[in-house]
């Protein structure tokens, strides 16, 4: 039986957050407004925003709209659908 959607996304989020915190990142969940990215990662003066998705899923229309506002302010939002992808992004930002 396939794993429920929320569980798969939740598993990716949980595992990435655990890895990031163990590697010195301060991690916050963004819950303020609809369309905001799921997580904000902070370390050494760098800020990384991520939208976490089930493998193969994409951001919804509202999320794309809001993420474009972040991009216009100079902060890209990374759409991440697996833990390794999120780790690679964070390692590129702060090796």
PDB file of N, CA and C in Angstrom:
ATOM      1  N   UNK A   1       0.853  -1.177   0.000  1.00  0.00           N
ATOM      2  CA  UNK A   1       0.000   0.000   0.000  1.00  0.00           C
ATOM      3  C   UNK A   1       0.900   1.242   0.000  1.00  0.00           C
ATOM      4  N   UNK A   2       0.620   2.240  -0.877  1.00  0.00           N
ATOM      5  CA  UNK A   2       1.457   3.438  -0.917  1.00  0.00           C
ATOM      6  C   UNK A   2       1.333   4.254   0.359  1.00  0.00           C
ATOM      7  N   UNK A   3       2.427   4.910   0.705  1.00  0.00           N
ATOM      8  CA  UNK A   3       2.444   5.776   1.883  1.00  0.00           C
ATOM      9  C   UNK A   3       1.584   7.006   1.614  1.00  0.00           C
ATOM     10  N   UNK A   4       0.800   7.483   2.588  1.00  0.00           N
ATOM     11  CA  UNK A   4      -0.036   8.660   2.374  1.00  0.00           C
ATOM     12  C   UNK A   4       0.787   9.882   1.999  1.00  0.00           C
ATOM     13  N   UNK A   5       0.205  10.761   1.201  1.00  0.00           N
ATOM     14  CA  UNK A   5       0.891  11.944   0.685  1.00  0.00           C
ATOM     15  C   UNK A   5       1.504  12.796   1.795  1.00  0.00           C
ATOM     16  N   UNK A   6       0.713  13.155   2.781  1.00  0.00           N
ATOM     17  CA  UNK A   6       1.197  14.033   3.843  1.00  0.00           C
ATOM     18  C   UNK A   6       2.377  13.392   4.568  1.00  0.00           C
ATOM     19  N   UNK A   7       2.314  12.094   4.771  1.00  0.00           N
ATOM     20  CA  UNK A   7       3.384  11.403   5.467  1.00  0.00           C
ATOM     21  C   UNK A   7       4.689  11.480   4.681  1.00  0.00           C
ATOM     22  N   UNK A   8       4.629  11.292   3.379  1.00  0.00           N
ATOM     23  CA  UNK A   8       5.860  11.332   2.573  1.00  0.00           C
ATOM     24  C   UNK A   8       6.476  12.724   2.618  1.00  0.00           C
ATOM     25  N   UNK A   9       5.668  13.747   2.459  1.00  0.00           N
ATOM     26  CA  UNK A   9       6.166  15.123   2.526  1.00  0.00           C
ATOM     27  C   UNK A   9       6.695  15.420   3.929  1.00  0.00           C
ATOM     28  N   UNK A  10       5.974  14.966   4.922  1.00  0.00           N
ATOM     29  CA  UNK A  10       6.370  15.171   6.308  1.00  0.00           C
ATOM     30  C   UNK A  10       7.689  14.464   6.604  1.00  0.00           C
ATOM     31  N   UNK A  11       7.876  13.285   6.054  1.00  0.00           N
ATOM     32  CA  UNK A  11       9.112  12.532   6.263  1.00  0.00           C
ATOM     33  C   UNK A  11      10.299  13.276   5.658  1.00  0.00           C
ATOM     34  N   UNK A  12      10.140  13.780   4.456  1.00  0.00           N
ATOM     35  CA  UNK A  12      11.200  14.551   3.804  1.00  0.00           C
ATOM     36  C   UNK A  12      11.542  15.763   4.661  1.00  0.00           C
ATOM     37  N   UNK A  13      10.517  16.483   5.098  1.00  0.00           N
ATOM     38  CA  UNK A  13      10.728  17.679   5.903  1.00  0.00           C
ATOM     39  C   UNK A  13      11.436  17.340   7.207  1.00  0.00           C
ATOM     40  N   UNK A  14      10.959  16.340   7.899  1.00  0.00           N
ATOM     41  CA  UNK A  14      11.545  15.944   9.187  1.00  0.00           C
ATOM     42  C   UNK A  14      13.016  15.561   9.028  1.00  0.00           C
ATOM     43  N   UNK A  15      13.314  14.731   8.032  1.00  0.00           N
ATOM     44  CA  UNK A  15      14.681  14.257   7.846  1.00  0.00           C
ATOM     45  C   UNK A  15      15.622  15.383   7.425  1.00  0.00           C
ATOM     46  N   UNK A  16      15.153  16.289   6.575  1.00  0.00           N
ATOM     47  CA  UNK A  16      15.992  17.408   6.149  1.00  0.00           C
ATOM     48  C   UNK A  16      16.241  18.374   7.307  1.00  0.00           C
ATOM     49  N   UNK A  17      15.221  18.665   8.082  1.00  0.00           N
ATOM     50  CA  UNK A  17      15.370  19.568   9.230  1.00  0.00           C
ATOM     51  C   UNK A  17      16.351  18.962  10.240  1.00  0.00           C
ATOM     52  N   UNK A  18      16.218  17.685  10.519  1.00  0.00           N
ATOM     53  CA  UNK A  18      17.133  17.007  11.455  1.00  0.00           C
ATOM     54  C   UNK A  18      18.570  17.124  10.963  1.00  0.00           C
ATOM     55  N   UNK A  19      18.797  16.824   9.681  1.00  0.00           N
ATOM     56  CA  UNK A  19      20.148  16.907   9.106  1.00  0.00           C
ATOM     57  C   UNK A  19      20.680  18.334   9.208  1.00  0.00           C
ATOM     58  N   UNK A  20      19.858  19.310   8.834  1.00  0.00           N
ATOM     59  CA  UNK A  20      20.290  20.709   8.835  1.00  0.00           C
ATOM     60  C   UNK A  20      20.670  21.162  10.239  1.00  0.00           C
ATOM     61  N   UNK A  21      19.843  20.842  11.213  1.00  0.00           N
ATOM     62  CA  UNK A  21      20.142  21.249  12.595  1.00  0.00           C
ATOM     63  C   UNK A  21      21.418  20.586  13.094  1.00  0.00           C
ATOM     64  N   UNK A  22      21.630  19.323  12.731  1.00  0.00           N
ATOM     65  CA  UNK A  22      22.854  18.619  13.134  1.00  0.00           C
ATOM     66  C   UNK A  22      24.089  19.210  12.462  1.00  0.00           C
ATOM     67  N   UNK A  23      23.886  19.958  11.375  1.00  0.00           N
ATOM     68  CA  UNK A  23      24.994  20.556  10.634  1.00  0.00           C
ATOM     69  C   UNK A  23      25.071  22.073  10.826  1.00  0.00           C
ATOM     70  N   UNK A  24      24.486  22.569  11.905  1.00  0.00           N
ATOM     71  CA  UNK A  24      24.679  23.951  12.301  1.00  0.00           C
ATOM     72  C   UNK A  24      23.689  24.971  11.751  1.00  0.00           C
ATOM     73  N   UNK A  25      22.640  24.527  11.074  1.00  0.00           N
ATOM     74  CA  UNK A  25      21.633  25.450  10.552  1.00  0.00           C
ATOM     75  C   UNK A  25      20.562  25.711  11.601  1.00  0.00           C
ATOM     76  N   UNK A  26      20.119  26.959  11.690  1.00  0.00           N
ATOM     77  CA  UNK A  26      18.936  27.317  12.471  1.00  0.00           C
ATOM     78  C   UNK A  26      17.764  27.190  11.508  1.00  0.00           C
ATOM     79  N   UNK A  27      16.754  26.422  11.869  1.00  0.00           N
ATOM     80  CA  UNK A  27      15.644  26.139  10.963  1.00  0.00           C
ATOM     81  C   UNK A  27      14.344  26.634  11.574  1.00  0.00           C
ATOM     82  N   UNK A  28      13.555  27.329  10.770  1.00  0.00           N
ATOM     83  CA  UNK A  28      12.250  27.812  11.207  1.00  0.00           C
ATOM     84  C   UNK A  28      11.191  27.387  10.207  1.00  0.00           C
ATOM     85  N   UNK A  29      10.017  27.046  10.732  1.00  0.00           N
ATOM     86  CA  UNK A  29       8.860  26.724   9.897  1.00  0.00           C
ATOM     87  C   UNK A  29       8.078  28.009   9.687  1.00  0.00           C
ATOM     88  N   UNK A  30       7.772  28.324   8.436  1.00  0.00           N
ATOM     89  CA  UNK A  30       7.016  29.533   8.129  1.00  0.00           C
ATOM     90  C   UNK A  30       5.541  29.179   8.065  1.00  0.00           C
ATOM     91  N   UNK A  31       4.753  29.822   8.911  1.00  0.00           N
ATOM     92  CA  UNK A  31       3.325  29.497   8.982  1.00  0.00           C
ATOM     93  C   UNK A  31       2.451  30.739   8.878  1.00  0.00           C
ATOM     94  N   UNK A  32       3.041  31.870   8.489  1.00  0.00           N
ATOM     95  CA  UNK A  32       2.318  33.134   8.514  1.00  0.00           C
ATOM     96  C   UNK A  32       1.243  33.299   7.468  1.00  0.00           C
ATOM     97  N   UNK A  33       1.593  33.102   6.202  1.00  0.00           N
ATOM     98  CA  UNK A  33       0.644  33.384   5.130  1.00  0.00           C
ATOM     99  C   UNK A  33       0.600  32.232   4.143  1.00  0.00           C
ATOM    100  N   UNK A  34      -0.558  32.064   3.541  1.00  0.00           N
ATOM    101  CA  UNK A  34      -0.698  31.040   2.504  1.00  0.00           C
ATOM    102  C   UNK A  34       0.266  31.343   1.361  1.00  0.00           C
ATOM    103  N   UNK A  35       0.911  30.311   0.866  1.00  0.00           N
ATOM    104  CA  UNK A  35       1.821  30.472  -0.251  1.00  0.00           C
ATOM    105  C   UNK A  35       3.264  30.663   0.165  1.00  0.00           C
ATOM    106  N   UNK A  36       3.504  30.991   1.446  1.00  0.00           N
ATOM    107  CA  UNK A  36       4.881  31.143   1.908  1.00  0.00           C
ATOM    108  C   UNK A  36       5.605  29.802   1.818  1.00  0.00           C
ATOM    109  N   UNK A  37       6.940  29.846   1.673  1.00  0.00           N
ATOM    110  CA  UNK A  37       7.705  28.597   1.682  1.00  0.00           C
ATOM    111  C   UNK A  37       7.518  27.869   3.016  1.00  0.00           C
ATOM    112  N   UNK A  38       7.775  26.559   3.011  1.00  0.00           N
ATOM    113  CA  UNK A  38       7.613  25.766   4.230  1.00  0.00           C
ATOM    114  C   UNK A  38       8.657  26.087   5.286  1.00  0.00           C
ATOM    115  N   UNK A  39       9.912  26.221   4.855  1.00  0.00           N
ATOM    116  CA  UNK A  39      11.003  26.338   5.813  1.00  0.00           C
ATOM    117  C   UNK A  39      11.992  27.442   5.434  1.00  0.00           C
ATOM    118  N   UNK A  40      12.596  28.012   6.486  1.00  0.00           N
ATOM    119  CA  UNK A  40      13.659  28.988   6.340  1.00  0.00           C
ATOM    120  C   UNK A  40      14.868  28.428   7.094  1.00  0.00           C
ATOM    121  N   UNK A  41      16.011  28.366   6.409  1.00  0.00           N
ATOM    122  CA  UNK A  41      17.252  27.858   6.966  1.00  0.00           C
ATOM    123  C   UNK A  41      18.232  29.023   7.086  1.00  0.00           C
ATOM    124  N   UNK A  42      18.857  29.190   8.260  1.00  0.00           N
ATOM    125  CA  UNK A  42      19.778  30.305   8.499  1.00  0.00           C
ATOM    126  C   UNK A  42      21.111  29.783   9.029  1.00  0.00           C
ATOM    127  N   UNK A  43      22.189  30.329   8.445  1.00  0.00           N
ATOM    128  CA  UNK A  43      23.518  29.964   8.925  1.00  0.00           C
ATOM    129  C   UNK A  43      24.554  30.935   8.357  1.00  0.00           C
ATOM    130  N   UNK A  44      25.426  31.432   9.205  1.00  0.00           N
ATOM    131  CA  UNK A  44      26.542  32.251   8.773  1.00  0.00           C
ATOM    132  C   UNK A  44      26.150  33.456   7.932  1.00  0.00           C
ATOM    133  N   UNK A  45      25.024  34.065   8.218  1.00  0.00           N
ATOM    134  CA  UNK A  45      24.576  35.231   7.461  1.00  0.00           C
ATOM    135  C   UNK A  45      23.795  34.894   6.196  1.00  0.00           C
ATOM    136  N   UNK A  46      23.589  33.622   5.930  1.00  0.00           N
ATOM    137  CA  UNK A  46      22.845  33.190   4.747  1.00  0.00           C
ATOM    138  C   UNK A  46      21.437  32.754   5.142  1.00  0.00           C
ATOM    139  N   UNK A  47      20.496  33.001   4.252  1.00  0.00           N
ATOM    140  CA  UNK A  47      19.106  32.578   4.439  1.00  0.00           C
ATOM    141  C   UNK A  47      18.695  31.784   3.209  1.00  0.00           C
ATOM    142  N   UNK A  48      18.122  30.610   3.424  1.00  0.00           N
ATOM    143  CA  UNK A  48      17.659  29.757   2.327  1.00  0.00           C
ATOM    144  C   UNK A  48      16.199  29.406   2.601  1.00  0.00           C
ATOM    145  N   UNK A  49      15.355  29.634   1.598  1.00  0.00           N
ATOM    146  CA  UNK A  49      13.939  29.285   1.708  1.00  0.00           C
ATOM    147  C   UNK A  49      13.670  28.030   0.881  1.00  0.00           C
ATOM    148  N   UNK A  50      12.891  27.115   1.452  1.00  0.00           N
ATOM    149  CA  UNK A  50      12.549  25.876   0.746  1.00  0.00           C
ATOM    150  C   UNK A  50      11.068  25.574   0.855  1.00  0.00           C
ATOM    151  N   UNK A  51      10.535  25.131  -0.250  1.00  0.00           N
ATOM    152  CA  UNK A  51       9.184  24.562  -0.326  1.00  0.00           C
ATOM    153  C   UNK A  51       9.386  23.066  -0.498  1.00  0.00           C
ATOM    154  N   UNK A  52       8.898  22.287   0.457  1.00  0.00           N
ATOM    155  CA  UNK A  52       9.099  20.838   0.428  1.00  0.00           C
ATOM    156  C   UNK A  52       7.870  20.165  -0.164  1.00  0.00           C
ATOM    157  N   UNK A  53       8.135  19.257  -1.105  1.00  0.00           N
ATOM    158  CA  UNK A  53       7.062  18.597  -1.850  1.00  0.00           C
ATOM    159  C   UNK A  53       7.262  17.094  -1.859  1.00  0.00           C
ATOM    160  N   UNK A  54       6.183  16.389  -2.061  1.00  0.00           N
ATOM    161  CA  UNK A  54       6.230  14.961  -2.314  1.00  0.00           C
ATOM    162  C   UNK A  54       6.999  14.757  -3.618  1.00  0.00           C
ATOM    163  N   UNK A  55       7.777  13.686  -3.729  1.00  0.00           N
ATOM    164  CA  UNK A  55       8.548  13.472  -4.962  1.00  0.00           C
ATOM    165  C   UNK A  55       7.694  13.621  -6.226  1.00  0.00           C
ATOM    166  N   UNK A  56       8.189  14.480  -7.119  1.00  0.00           N
ATOM    167  CA  UNK A  56       7.519  14.704  -8.399  1.00  0.00           C
ATOM    168  C   UNK A  56       6.466  15.799  -8.382  1.00  0.00           C
ATOM    169  N   UNK A  57       6.075  16.287  -7.214  1.00  0.00           N
ATOM    170  CA  UNK A  57       5.061  17.340  -7.146  1.00  0.00           C
ATOM    171  C   UNK A  57       5.696  18.712  -7.357  1.00  0.00           C
ATOM    172  N   UNK A  58       4.879  19.670  -7.770  1.00  0.00           N
ATOM    173  CA  UNK A  58       5.338  21.035  -8.017  1.00  0.00           C
ATOM    174  C   UNK A  58       4.567  22.009  -7.137  1.00  0.00           C
ATOM    175  N   UNK A  59       5.070  23.234  -7.059  1.00  0.00           N
ATOM    176  CA  UNK A  59       4.389  24.275  -6.286  1.00  0.00           C
ATOM    177  C   UNK A  59       3.046  24.604  -6.936  1.00  0.00           C
ATOM    178  N   UNK A  60       2.069  24.918  -6.095  1.00  0.00           N
ATOM    179  CA  UNK A  60       0.754  25.330  -6.583  1.00  0.00           C
ATOM    180  C   UNK A  60       0.831  26.759  -7.115  1.00  0.00           C
ATOM    181  N   UNK A  61      -0.217  27.180  -7.795  1.00  0.00           N
ATOM    182  CA  UNK A  61      -0.254  28.504  -8.422  1.00  0.00           C
ATOM    183  C   UNK A  61      -0.011  29.622  -7.404  1.00  0.00           C
ATOM    184  N   UNK A  62      -0.684  29.587  -6.266  1.00  0.00           N
ATOM    185  CA  UNK A  62      -0.499  30.617  -5.242  1.00  0.00           C
ATOM    186  C   UNK A  62       0.936  30.593  -4.724  1.00  0.00           C
ATOM    187  N   UNK A  63       1.475  29.402  -4.513  1.00  0.00           N
ATOM    188  CA  UNK A  63       2.847  29.295  -4.040  1.00  0.00           C
ATOM    189  C   UNK A  63       3.819  29.902  -5.051  1.00  0.00           C
ATOM    190  N   UNK A  64       3.637  29.609  -6.325  1.00  0.00           N
ATOM    191  CA  UNK A  64       4.511  30.192  -7.360  1.00  0.00           C
ATOM    192  C   UNK A  64       4.423  31.712  -7.338  1.00  0.00           C
ATOM    193  N   UNK A  65       3.234  32.250  -7.182  1.00  0.00           N
ATOM    194  CA  UNK A  65       3.035  33.700  -7.128  1.00  0.00           C
ATOM    195  C   UNK A  65       3.808  34.305  -5.945  1.00  0.00           C
ATOM    196  N   UNK A  66       3.639  33.711  -4.772  1.00  0.00           N
ATOM    197  CA  UNK A  66       4.313  34.219  -3.572  1.00  0.00           C
ATOM    198  C   UNK A  66       5.818  34.027  -3.684  1.00  0.00           C
ATOM    199  N   UNK A  67       6.250  32.887  -4.185  1.00  0.00           N
ATOM    200  CA  UNK A  67       7.682  32.618  -4.334  1.00  0.00           C
ATOM    201  C   UNK A  67       8.327  33.617  -5.286  1.00  0.00           C
ATOM    202  N   UNK A  68       7.601  34.040  -6.296  1.00  0.00           N
ATOM    203  CA  UNK A  68       8.122  35.063  -7.212  1.00  0.00           C
ATOM    204  C   UNK A  68       8.346  36.389  -6.482  1.00  0.00           C
ATOM    205  N   UNK A  69       7.521  36.683  -5.484  1.00  0.00           N
ATOM    206  CA  UNK A  69       7.734  37.893  -4.678  1.00  0.00           C
ATOM    207  C   UNK A  69       9.022  37.774  -3.865  1.00  0.00           C
ATOM    208  N   UNK A  70       9.273  36.602  -3.320  1.00  0.00           N
ATOM    209  CA  UNK A  70      10.534  36.382  -2.605  1.00  0.00           C
ATOM    210  C   UNK A  70      11.706  36.573  -3.566  1.00  0.00           C
ATOM    211  N   UNK A  71      11.591  36.028  -4.767  1.00  0.00           N
ATOM    212  CA  UNK A  71      12.646  36.143  -5.771  1.00  0.00           C
ATOM    213  C   UNK A  71      12.875  37.609  -6.134  1.00  0.00           C
ATOM    214  N   UNK A  72      11.823  38.366  -6.274  1.00  0.00           N
ATOM    215  CA  UNK A  72      11.946  39.794  -6.603  1.00  0.00           C
ATOM    216  C   UNK A  72      12.669  40.552  -5.494  1.00  0.00           C
ATOM    217  N   UNK A  73      12.586  40.045  -4.262  1.00  0.00           N
ATOM    218  CA  UNK A  73      13.271  40.664  -3.131  1.00  0.00           C
ATOM    219  C   UNK A  73      14.690  40.109  -2.969  1.00  0.00           C
ATOM    220  N   UNK A  74      15.105  39.253  -3.908  1.00  0.00           N
ATOM    221  CA  UNK A  74      16.466  38.722  -3.877  1.00  0.00           C
ATOM    222  C   UNK A  74      16.635  37.415  -3.131  1.00  0.00           C
ATOM    223  N   UNK A  75      15.514  36.732  -2.840  1.00  0.00           N
ATOM    224  CA  UNK A  75      15.568  35.477  -2.087  1.00  0.00           C
ATOM    225  C   UNK A  75      14.836  34.368  -2.840  1.00  0.00           C
ATOM    226  N   UNK A  76      15.557  33.552  -3.591  1.00  0.00           N
ATOM    227  CA  UNK A  76      14.891  32.457  -4.291  1.00  0.00           C
ATOM    228  C   UNK A  76      14.300  31.437  -3.317  1.00  0.00           C
ATOM    229  N   UNK A  77      13.267  30.774  -3.756  1.00  0.00           N
ATOM    230  CA  UNK A  77      12.663  29.684  -2.994  1.00  0.00           C
ATOM    231  C   UNK A  77      12.953  28.401  -3.761  1.00  0.00           C
ATOM    232  N   UNK A  78      13.595  27.460  -3.101  1.00  0.00           N
ATOM    233  CA  UNK A  78      13.954  26.184  -3.722  1.00  0.00           C
ATOM    234  C   UNK A  78      12.818  25.185  -3.508  1.00  0.00           C
ATOM    235  N   UNK A  79      12.372  24.563  -4.587  1.00  0.00           N
ATOM    236  CA  UNK A  79      11.367  23.508  -4.506  1.00  0.00           C
ATOM    237  C   UNK A  79      12.125  22.194  -4.359  1.00  0.00           C
ATOM    238  N   UNK A  80      11.909  21.509  -3.261  1.00  0.00           N
ATOM    239  CA  UNK A  80      12.697  20.332  -2.911  1.00  0.00           C
ATOM    240  C   UNK A  80      11.774  19.136  -2.730  1.00  0.00           C
ATOM    241  N   UNK A  81      12.099  18.022  -3.416  1.00  0.00           N
ATOM    242  CA  UNK A  81      11.243  16.836  -3.274  1.00  0.00           C
ATOM    243  C   UNK A  81      11.987  15.610  -2.743  1.00  0.00           C
ATOM    244  N   UNK A  82      13.216  15.826  -2.231  1.00  0.00           N
ATOM    245  CA  UNK A  82      13.904  14.742  -1.527  1.00  0.00           C
ATOM    246  C   UNK A  82      14.982  15.333  -0.623  1.00  0.00           C
ATOM    247  N   UNK A  83      15.358  14.580   0.383  1.00  0.00           N
ATOM    248  CA  UNK A  83      16.292  15.063   1.403  1.00  0.00           C
ATOM    249  C   UNK A  83      17.648  15.408   0.794  1.00  0.00           C
ATOM    250  N   UNK A  84      18.146  14.551  -0.078  1.00  0.00           N
ATOM    251  CA  UNK A  84      19.473  14.763  -0.665  1.00  0.00           C
ATOM    252  C   UNK A  84      19.524  16.064  -1.458  1.00  0.00           C
ATOM    253  N   UNK A  85      18.468  16.385  -2.161  1.00  0.00           N
ATOM    254  CA  UNK A  85      18.412  17.640  -2.917  1.00  0.00           C
ATOM    255  C   UNK A  85      18.528  18.832  -1.957  1.00  0.00           C
ATOM    256  N   UNK A  86      17.794  18.796  -0.855  1.00  0.00           N
ATOM    257  CA  UNK A  86      17.860  19.868   0.133  1.00  0.00           C
ATOM    258  C   UNK A  86      19.245  19.980   0.752  1.00  0.00           C
ATOM    259  N   UNK A  87      19.865  18.844   1.037  1.00  0.00           N
ATOM    260  CA  UNK A  87      21.218  18.855   1.595  1.00  0.00           C
ATOM    261  C   UNK A  87      22.204  19.496   0.621  1.00  0.00           C
ATOM    262  N   UNK A  88      22.107  19.145  -0.667  1.00  0.00           N
ATOM    263  CA  UNK A  88      23.017  19.707  -1.668  1.00  0.00           C
ATOM    264  C   UNK A  88      22.861  21.230  -1.751  1.00  0.00           C
ATOM    265  N   UNK A  89      21.635  21.716  -1.697  1.00  0.00           N
ATOM    266  CA  UNK A  89      21.400  23.159  -1.750  1.00  0.00           C
ATOM    267  C   UNK A  89      22.069  23.847  -0.561  1.00  0.00           C
ATOM    268  N   UNK A  90      21.851  23.322   0.636  1.00  0.00           N
ATOM    269  CA  UNK A  90      22.430  23.925   1.831  1.00  0.00           C
ATOM    270  C   UNK A  90      23.952  23.843   1.816  1.00  0.00           C
ATOM    271  N   UNK A  91      24.504  22.740   1.317  1.00  0.00           N
ATOM    272  CA  UNK A  91      25.957  22.591   1.251  1.00  0.00           C
ATOM    273  C   UNK A  91      26.581  23.544   0.236  1.00  0.00           C
ATOM    274  N   UNK A  92      25.860  23.867  -0.835  1.00  0.00           N
ATOM    275  CA  UNK A  92      26.357  24.848  -1.811  1.00  0.00           C
ATOM    276  C   UNK A  92      26.366  26.244  -1.218  1.00  0.00           C
ATOM    277  N   UNK A  93      25.358  26.548  -0.429  1.00  0.00           N
ATOM    278  CA  UNK A  93      25.255  27.881   0.166  1.00  0.00           C
ATOM    279  C   UNK A  93      26.306  28.071   1.248  1.00  0.00           C
ATOM    280  N   UNK A  94      26.485  27.073   2.084  1.00  0.00           N
ATOM    281  CA  UNK A  94      27.431  27.171   3.191  1.00  0.00           C
ATOM    282  C   UNK A  94      28.185  25.841   3.283  1.00  0.00           C
ATOM    283  N   UNK A  95      29.302  25.729   2.528  1.00  0.00           N
ATOM    284  CA  UNK A  95      30.049  24.443   2.476  1.00  0.00           C
ATOM    285  C   UNK A  95      30.646  24.047   3.812  1.00  0.00           C
TER     286      UNK A  95
END
